[in-house]
């Protein structure tokens, strides 16, 4: 029986799918950014990336558009912000 993918694997897969979706787009709507962030939220909850996702959710209420470069930068930060693996003692 296969185990469910880890949160990190789901984040990586989600980011890859959304990067592909936004490829070639100049701008991204706040509702599309919200959809992405809500899709990621459960996997980053309790993680140091949760603050970034929450902050961006607030921005989606205040903004009319996001450049695709901004969204790609956020996605890169979320991938780079992965917690360091813990070392078992």
C-alpha atoms as a PDB file:
ATOM      1  CA  UNK A   1       0.000   0.000   0.000  1.00  0.00           C
ATOM      2  CA  UNK A   2       1.366   3.408  -0.952  1.00  0.00           C
ATOM      3  CA  UNK A   3       1.584   6.096   1.667  1.00  0.00           C
ATOM      4  CA  UNK A   4       0.151   9.552   1.063  1.00  0.00           C
ATOM      5  CA  UNK A   5       2.623  12.094  -0.326  1.00  0.00           C
ATOM      6  CA  UNK A   6       4.321  14.288   2.254  1.00  0.00           C
ATOM      7  CA  UNK A   7       3.348  17.937   2.658  1.00  0.00           C
ATOM      8  CA  UNK A   8       6.652  18.894   1.042  1.00  0.00           C
ATOM      9  CA  UNK A   9       5.932  16.690  -1.983  1.00  0.00           C
ATOM     10  CA  UNK A  10       2.436  18.187  -2.300  1.00  0.00           C
ATOM     11  CA  UNK A  11       3.854  21.734  -2.079  1.00  0.00           C
ATOM     12  CA  UNK A  12       6.432  20.969  -4.768  1.00  0.00           C
ATOM     13  CA  UNK A  13       3.800  19.422  -7.036  1.00  0.00           C
ATOM     14  CA  UNK A  14       1.354  22.291  -6.472  1.00  0.00           C
ATOM     15  CA  UNK A  15       3.995  24.936  -7.163  1.00  0.00           C
ATOM     16  CA  UNK A  16       5.037  23.139 -10.363  1.00  0.00           C
ATOM     17  CA  UNK A  17       1.443  22.920 -11.582  1.00  0.00           C
ATOM     18  CA  UNK A  18       0.748  26.573 -10.840  1.00  0.00           C
ATOM     19  CA  UNK A  19       3.989  27.719 -12.476  1.00  0.00           C
ATOM     20  CA  UNK A  20       2.929  25.848 -15.594  1.00  0.00           C
ATOM     21  CA  UNK A  21      -0.541  27.415 -15.403  1.00  0.00           C
ATOM     22  CA  UNK A  22       0.887  30.942 -15.168  1.00  0.00           C
ATOM     23  CA  UNK A  23       3.619  30.417 -17.793  1.00  0.00           C
ATOM     24  CA  UNK A  24       3.358  33.048 -20.486  1.00  0.00           C
ATOM     25  CA  UNK A  25       0.851  35.155 -18.565  1.00  0.00           C
ATOM     26  CA  UNK A  26       1.747  38.789 -17.978  1.00  0.00           C
ATOM     27  CA  UNK A  27      -0.637  39.244 -15.061  1.00  0.00           C
ATOM     28  CA  UNK A  28      -2.542  37.027 -12.651  1.00  0.00           C
ATOM     29  CA  UNK A  29      -5.878  37.846 -11.047  1.00  0.00           C
ATOM     30  CA  UNK A  30      -6.183  38.053  -7.265  1.00  0.00           C
ATOM     31  CA  UNK A  31      -8.771  35.255  -7.341  1.00  0.00           C
ATOM     32  CA  UNK A  32      -6.286  32.944  -9.091  1.00  0.00           C
ATOM     33  CA  UNK A  33      -3.631  33.816  -6.497  1.00  0.00           C
ATOM     34  CA  UNK A  34      -6.164  33.140  -3.718  1.00  0.00           C
ATOM     35  CA  UNK A  35      -6.995  29.761  -5.229  1.00  0.00           C
ATOM     36  CA  UNK A  36      -3.296  28.877  -5.271  1.00  0.00           C
ATOM     37  CA  UNK A  37      -2.721  30.050  -1.702  1.00  0.00           C
ATOM     38  CA  UNK A  38      -5.749  28.194  -0.342  1.00  0.00           C
ATOM     39  CA  UNK A  39      -4.521  25.064  -2.108  1.00  0.00           C
ATOM     40  CA  UNK A  40      -1.156  25.428  -0.334  1.00  0.00           C
ATOM     41  CA  UNK A  41      -2.434  26.585   3.046  1.00  0.00           C
ATOM     42  CA  UNK A  42      -3.010  23.217   4.730  1.00  0.00           C
ATOM     43  CA  UNK A  43       0.474  22.054   3.747  1.00  0.00           C
ATOM     44  CA  UNK A  44       2.214  25.146   5.142  1.00  0.00           C
ATOM     45  CA  UNK A  45       0.088  25.498   8.279  1.00  0.00           C
ATOM     46  CA  UNK A  46       2.377  25.456  11.314  1.00  0.00           C
ATOM     47  CA  UNK A  47       5.395  25.880   9.041  1.00  0.00           C
ATOM     48  CA  UNK A  48       7.467  29.047   8.731  1.00  0.00           C
ATOM     49  CA  UNK A  49       5.941  29.532   5.262  1.00  0.00           C
ATOM     50  CA  UNK A  50       2.481  30.018   6.759  1.00  0.00           C
ATOM     51  CA  UNK A  51       3.232  33.718   7.422  1.00  0.00           C
ATOM     52  CA  UNK A  52       4.098  34.310   3.759  1.00  0.00           C
ATOM     53  CA  UNK A  53       0.908  32.618   2.565  1.00  0.00           C
ATOM     54  CA  UNK A  54      -1.191  34.591   5.068  1.00  0.00           C
ATOM     55  CA  UNK A  55       0.465  37.853   4.050  1.00  0.00           C
ATOM     56  CA  UNK A  56      -0.176  37.164   0.385  1.00  0.00           C
ATOM     57  CA  UNK A  57      -3.806  36.285   1.084  1.00  0.00           C
ATOM     58  CA  UNK A  58      -4.177  39.737   2.630  1.00  0.00           C
ATOM     59  CA  UNK A  59      -2.602  41.280  -0.480  1.00  0.00           C
ATOM     60  CA  UNK A  60      -5.142  39.559  -2.722  1.00  0.00           C
ATOM     61  CA  UNK A  61      -7.877  41.605  -1.083  1.00  0.00           C
ATOM     62  CA  UNK A  62      -5.989  44.850  -1.655  1.00  0.00           C
ATOM     63  CA  UNK A  63      -4.730  44.327  -5.209  1.00  0.00           C
ATOM     64  CA  UNK A  64      -6.419  44.243  -8.580  1.00  0.00           C
ATOM     65  CA  UNK A  65      -3.670  42.311 -10.389  1.00  0.00           C
ATOM     66  CA  UNK A  66      -0.357  40.602  -9.750  1.00  0.00           C
ATOM     67  CA  UNK A  67       2.430  40.299 -12.273  1.00  0.00           C
ATOM     68  CA  UNK A  68       3.253  36.708 -13.085  1.00  0.00           C
ATOM     69  CA  UNK A  69       6.840  37.506 -12.045  1.00  0.00           C
ATOM     70  CA  UNK A  70       5.598  38.428  -8.544  1.00  0.00           C
ATOM     71  CA  UNK A  71       3.684  35.180  -8.247  1.00  0.00           C
ATOM     72  CA  UNK A  72       6.633  33.172  -9.553  1.00  0.00           C
ATOM     73  CA  UNK A  73       8.872  34.856  -6.966  1.00  0.00           C
ATOM     74  CA  UNK A  74       6.439  33.916  -4.193  1.00  0.00           C
ATOM     75  CA  UNK A  75       6.352  30.329  -5.414  1.00  0.00           C
ATOM     76  CA  UNK A  76      10.154  30.232  -5.437  1.00  0.00           C
ATOM     77  CA  UNK A  77      10.247  31.590  -1.891  1.00  0.00           C
ATOM     78  CA  UNK A  78       7.792  28.939  -0.751  1.00  0.00           C
ATOM     79  CA  UNK A  79       9.947  26.200  -2.253  1.00  0.00           C
ATOM     80  CA  UNK A  80      13.176  27.673  -0.853  1.00  0.00           C
ATOM     81  CA  UNK A  81      11.572  28.165   2.555  1.00  0.00           C
ATOM     82  CA  UNK A  82      11.263  24.481   3.160  1.00  0.00           C
ATOM     83  CA  UNK A  83      12.167  23.625   6.726  1.00  0.00           C
ATOM     84  CA  UNK A  84      15.513  21.991   7.334  1.00  0.00           C
ATOM     85  CA  UNK A  85      15.204  18.249   7.835  1.00  0.00           C
ATOM     86  CA  UNK A  86      15.383  17.320  11.488  1.00  0.00           C
ATOM     87  CA  UNK A  87      18.168  15.039  12.594  1.00  0.00           C
ATOM     88  CA  UNK A  88      17.042  12.192  14.788  1.00  0.00           C
ATOM     89  CA  UNK A  89      19.149  11.779  17.908  1.00  0.00           C
END
